[in-house]
């Protein structure tokens, strides 16, 4: 198995990332630099999105 993830693990992590992006976007923030290096794994396998250095606030036309 090595370092590969199972399908349920992939779904779990993808759900966390998408949920985080939904929260970020609902607060009017566009990340602009989402990549593996900016996804941190915390205790309990909870993911955190980091690397907001190039993030911008969205205008009213972005939904």
N, C-alpha and C. Protein backbone atom coordinates (compact mmCIF):
# COMPACT_ATOMS: atom_id res chain seq x y z
N UNK A 1 0.82 -1.19 0.00
CA UNK A 1 0.00 0.00 0.00
C UNK A 1 0.87 1.25 0.00
N UNK A 2 1.97 1.27 0.70
CA UNK A 2 2.85 2.44 0.69
C UNK A 2 2.17 3.68 1.22
N UNK A 3 2.28 4.78 0.47
CA UNK A 3 1.70 6.05 0.89
C UNK A 3 0.37 6.36 0.21
N UNK A 4 -0.20 5.42 -0.51
CA UNK A 4 -1.44 5.70 -1.23
C UNK A 4 -2.63 5.73 -0.27
N UNK A 5 -3.63 6.50 -0.66
CA UNK A 5 -4.84 6.65 0.15
C UNK A 5 -5.94 5.73 -0.39
N UNK A 6 -6.82 5.32 0.50
CA UNK A 6 -7.98 4.55 0.07
C UNK A 6 -9.02 5.52 -0.52
N UNK A 7 -9.98 4.99 -1.24
CA UNK A 7 -11.04 5.84 -1.80
C UNK A 7 -11.81 6.59 -0.71
N UNK A 8 -12.16 5.93 0.40
CA UNK A 8 -12.85 6.69 1.46
C UNK A 8 -11.98 7.82 2.04
N UNK A 9 -10.69 7.59 2.15
CA UNK A 9 -9.80 8.65 2.64
C UNK A 9 -9.75 9.82 1.66
N UNK A 10 -9.67 9.51 0.37
CA UNK A 10 -9.65 10.56 -0.65
C UNK A 10 -10.94 11.38 -0.57
N UNK A 11 -12.08 10.70 -0.46
CA UNK A 11 -13.37 11.40 -0.35
C UNK A 11 -13.41 12.28 0.91
N UNK A 12 -12.91 11.75 2.01
CA UNK A 12 -12.89 12.48 3.28
C UNK A 12 -12.05 13.76 3.15
N UNK A 13 -10.86 13.64 2.59
CA UNK A 13 -9.99 14.80 2.44
C UNK A 13 -10.53 15.79 1.41
N UNK A 14 -11.05 15.28 0.30
CA UNK A 14 -11.61 16.17 -0.72
C UNK A 14 -12.79 16.95 -0.15
N UNK A 15 -13.61 16.29 0.64
CA UNK A 15 -14.76 16.95 1.26
C UNK A 15 -14.31 18.08 2.19
N UNK A 16 -13.24 17.84 2.93
CA UNK A 16 -12.72 18.89 3.82
C UNK A 16 -12.19 20.08 3.02
N UNK A 17 -11.46 19.81 1.95
CA UNK A 17 -10.90 20.89 1.13
C UNK A 17 -12.03 21.69 0.49
N UNK A 18 -13.01 21.00 -0.09
CA UNK A 18 -14.12 21.69 -0.73
C UNK A 18 -14.95 22.48 0.28
N UNK A 19 -15.14 21.93 1.46
CA UNK A 19 -15.85 22.65 2.52
C UNK A 19 -15.10 23.90 2.95
N UNK A 20 -13.78 23.78 3.05
CA UNK A 20 -12.97 24.94 3.40
C UNK A 20 -13.03 26.02 2.34
N UNK A 21 -12.97 25.62 1.08
CA UNK A 21 -13.07 26.59 -0.02
C UNK A 21 -14.44 27.26 -0.03
N UNK A 22 -15.48 26.49 0.26
CA UNK A 22 -16.82 27.07 0.32
C UNK A 22 -16.89 28.13 1.41
N UNK A 23 -16.32 27.85 2.57
CA UNK A 23 -16.31 28.82 3.67
C UNK A 23 -15.50 30.06 3.29
N UNK A 24 -14.35 29.84 2.68
CA UNK A 24 -13.50 30.97 2.27
C UNK A 24 -14.25 31.84 1.27
N UNK A 25 -14.83 31.22 0.26
CA UNK A 25 -15.54 31.97 -0.78
C UNK A 25 -16.76 32.68 -0.23
N UNK A 26 -17.45 32.06 0.73
CA UNK A 26 -18.64 32.70 1.31
C UNK A 26 -18.27 33.94 2.11
N UNK A 27 -17.00 34.04 2.48
CA UNK A 27 -16.51 35.23 3.17
C UNK A 27 -15.83 36.20 2.21
N UNK A 28 -16.00 35.98 0.91
CA UNK A 28 -15.50 36.91 -0.09
C UNK A 28 -14.00 36.84 -0.33
N UNK A 29 -13.39 35.69 -0.08
CA UNK A 29 -11.95 35.55 -0.26
C UNK A 29 -11.68 34.54 -1.38
N UNK A 30 -10.76 34.90 -2.27
CA UNK A 30 -10.29 33.99 -3.32
C UNK A 30 -8.85 33.64 -3.00
N UNK A 31 -8.55 32.37 -2.84
CA UNK A 31 -7.22 31.91 -2.39
C UNK A 31 -6.13 32.18 -3.41
N UNK A 32 -6.30 31.80 -4.64
CA UNK A 32 -5.40 32.00 -5.78
C UNK A 32 -4.10 31.20 -5.76
N UNK A 33 -3.85 30.38 -4.76
CA UNK A 33 -2.60 29.62 -4.72
C UNK A 33 -2.81 28.26 -4.05
N UNK A 34 -3.93 27.61 -4.35
CA UNK A 34 -4.20 26.32 -3.73
C UNK A 34 -3.34 25.25 -4.39
N UNK A 35 -2.55 24.58 -3.58
CA UNK A 35 -1.67 23.51 -4.05
C UNK A 35 -1.39 22.60 -2.86
N UNK A 36 -0.87 21.41 -3.09
CA UNK A 36 -0.65 20.47 -1.98
C UNK A 36 0.16 21.06 -0.83
N UNK A 37 1.14 21.89 -1.13
CA UNK A 37 1.97 22.47 -0.08
C UNK A 37 1.18 23.38 0.85
N UNK A 38 0.01 23.85 0.41
CA UNK A 38 -0.81 24.75 1.21
C UNK A 38 -1.97 24.04 1.90
N UNK A 39 -1.93 22.72 1.92
CA UNK A 39 -2.91 21.93 2.67
C UNK A 39 -2.17 21.28 3.83
N UNK A 40 -2.52 21.68 5.04
CA UNK A 40 -1.86 21.17 6.23
C UNK A 40 -2.74 20.11 6.90
N UNK A 41 -2.11 19.09 7.45
CA UNK A 41 -2.84 18.02 8.14
C UNK A 41 -2.63 18.21 9.63
N UNK A 42 -3.72 18.45 10.35
CA UNK A 42 -3.66 18.65 11.79
C UNK A 42 -4.03 17.38 12.54
N UNK A 43 -4.17 17.53 13.84
CA UNK A 43 -4.53 16.37 14.66
C UNK A 43 -5.91 15.87 14.26
N UNK A 44 -6.10 14.59 14.35
CA UNK A 44 -7.37 13.99 13.96
C UNK A 44 -7.60 13.97 12.47
N UNK A 45 -6.52 14.14 11.70
CA UNK A 45 -6.59 14.14 10.23
C UNK A 45 -7.49 15.26 9.69
N UNK A 46 -7.54 16.37 10.42
CA UNK A 46 -8.30 17.54 9.98
C UNK A 46 -7.39 18.40 9.12
N UNK A 47 -7.85 18.72 7.91
CA UNK A 47 -7.06 19.53 6.98
C UNK A 47 -7.31 21.01 7.22
N UNK A 48 -6.27 21.79 6.98
CA UNK A 48 -6.37 23.24 7.06
C UNK A 48 -5.76 23.82 5.80
N UNK A 49 -6.43 24.82 5.26
CA UNK A 49 -5.91 25.51 4.08
C UNK A 49 -5.04 26.65 4.55
N UNK A 50 -3.82 26.70 4.03
CA UNK A 50 -2.86 27.74 4.41
C UNK A 50 -2.40 28.47 3.15
N UNK A 51 -1.46 29.39 3.29
CA UNK A 51 -0.86 30.07 2.15
C UNK A 51 -1.74 31.14 1.56
N UNK A 52 -2.24 32.04 2.38
CA UNK A 52 -3.13 33.08 1.91
C UNK A 52 -2.40 34.35 1.47
N UNK A 53 -1.11 34.26 1.23
CA UNK A 53 -0.32 35.44 0.85
C UNK A 53 -0.78 36.12 -0.42
N UNK A 54 -1.30 35.37 -1.37
CA UNK A 54 -1.76 35.98 -2.63
C UNK A 54 -3.28 36.01 -2.73
N UNK A 55 -3.96 35.76 -1.61
CA UNK A 55 -5.43 35.79 -1.62
C UNK A 55 -5.93 37.21 -1.82
N UNK A 56 -7.12 37.30 -2.41
CA UNK A 56 -7.74 38.61 -2.62
C UNK A 56 -9.20 38.55 -2.17
N UNK A 57 -9.73 39.73 -1.87
CA UNK A 57 -11.17 39.83 -1.59
C UNK A 57 -11.89 39.93 -2.91
N UNK A 58 -12.98 39.20 -3.03
CA UNK A 58 -13.73 39.22 -4.28
C UNK A 58 -14.67 40.41 -4.31
N UNK A 59 -14.98 40.82 -5.52
CA UNK A 59 -15.94 41.90 -5.71
C UNK A 59 -17.35 41.36 -5.69
N UNK A 60 -18.33 42.23 -5.82
CA UNK A 60 -19.73 41.80 -5.76
C UNK A 60 -20.16 40.93 -6.93
N UNK A 61 -19.39 40.90 -8.03
CA UNK A 61 -19.80 40.11 -9.20
C UNK A 61 -19.43 38.64 -9.08
N UNK A 62 -18.61 38.26 -8.09
CA UNK A 62 -18.19 36.87 -7.91
C UNK A 62 -19.16 36.21 -6.95
N UNK A 63 -19.67 35.03 -7.32
CA UNK A 63 -20.58 34.32 -6.42
C UNK A 63 -20.01 33.00 -6.02
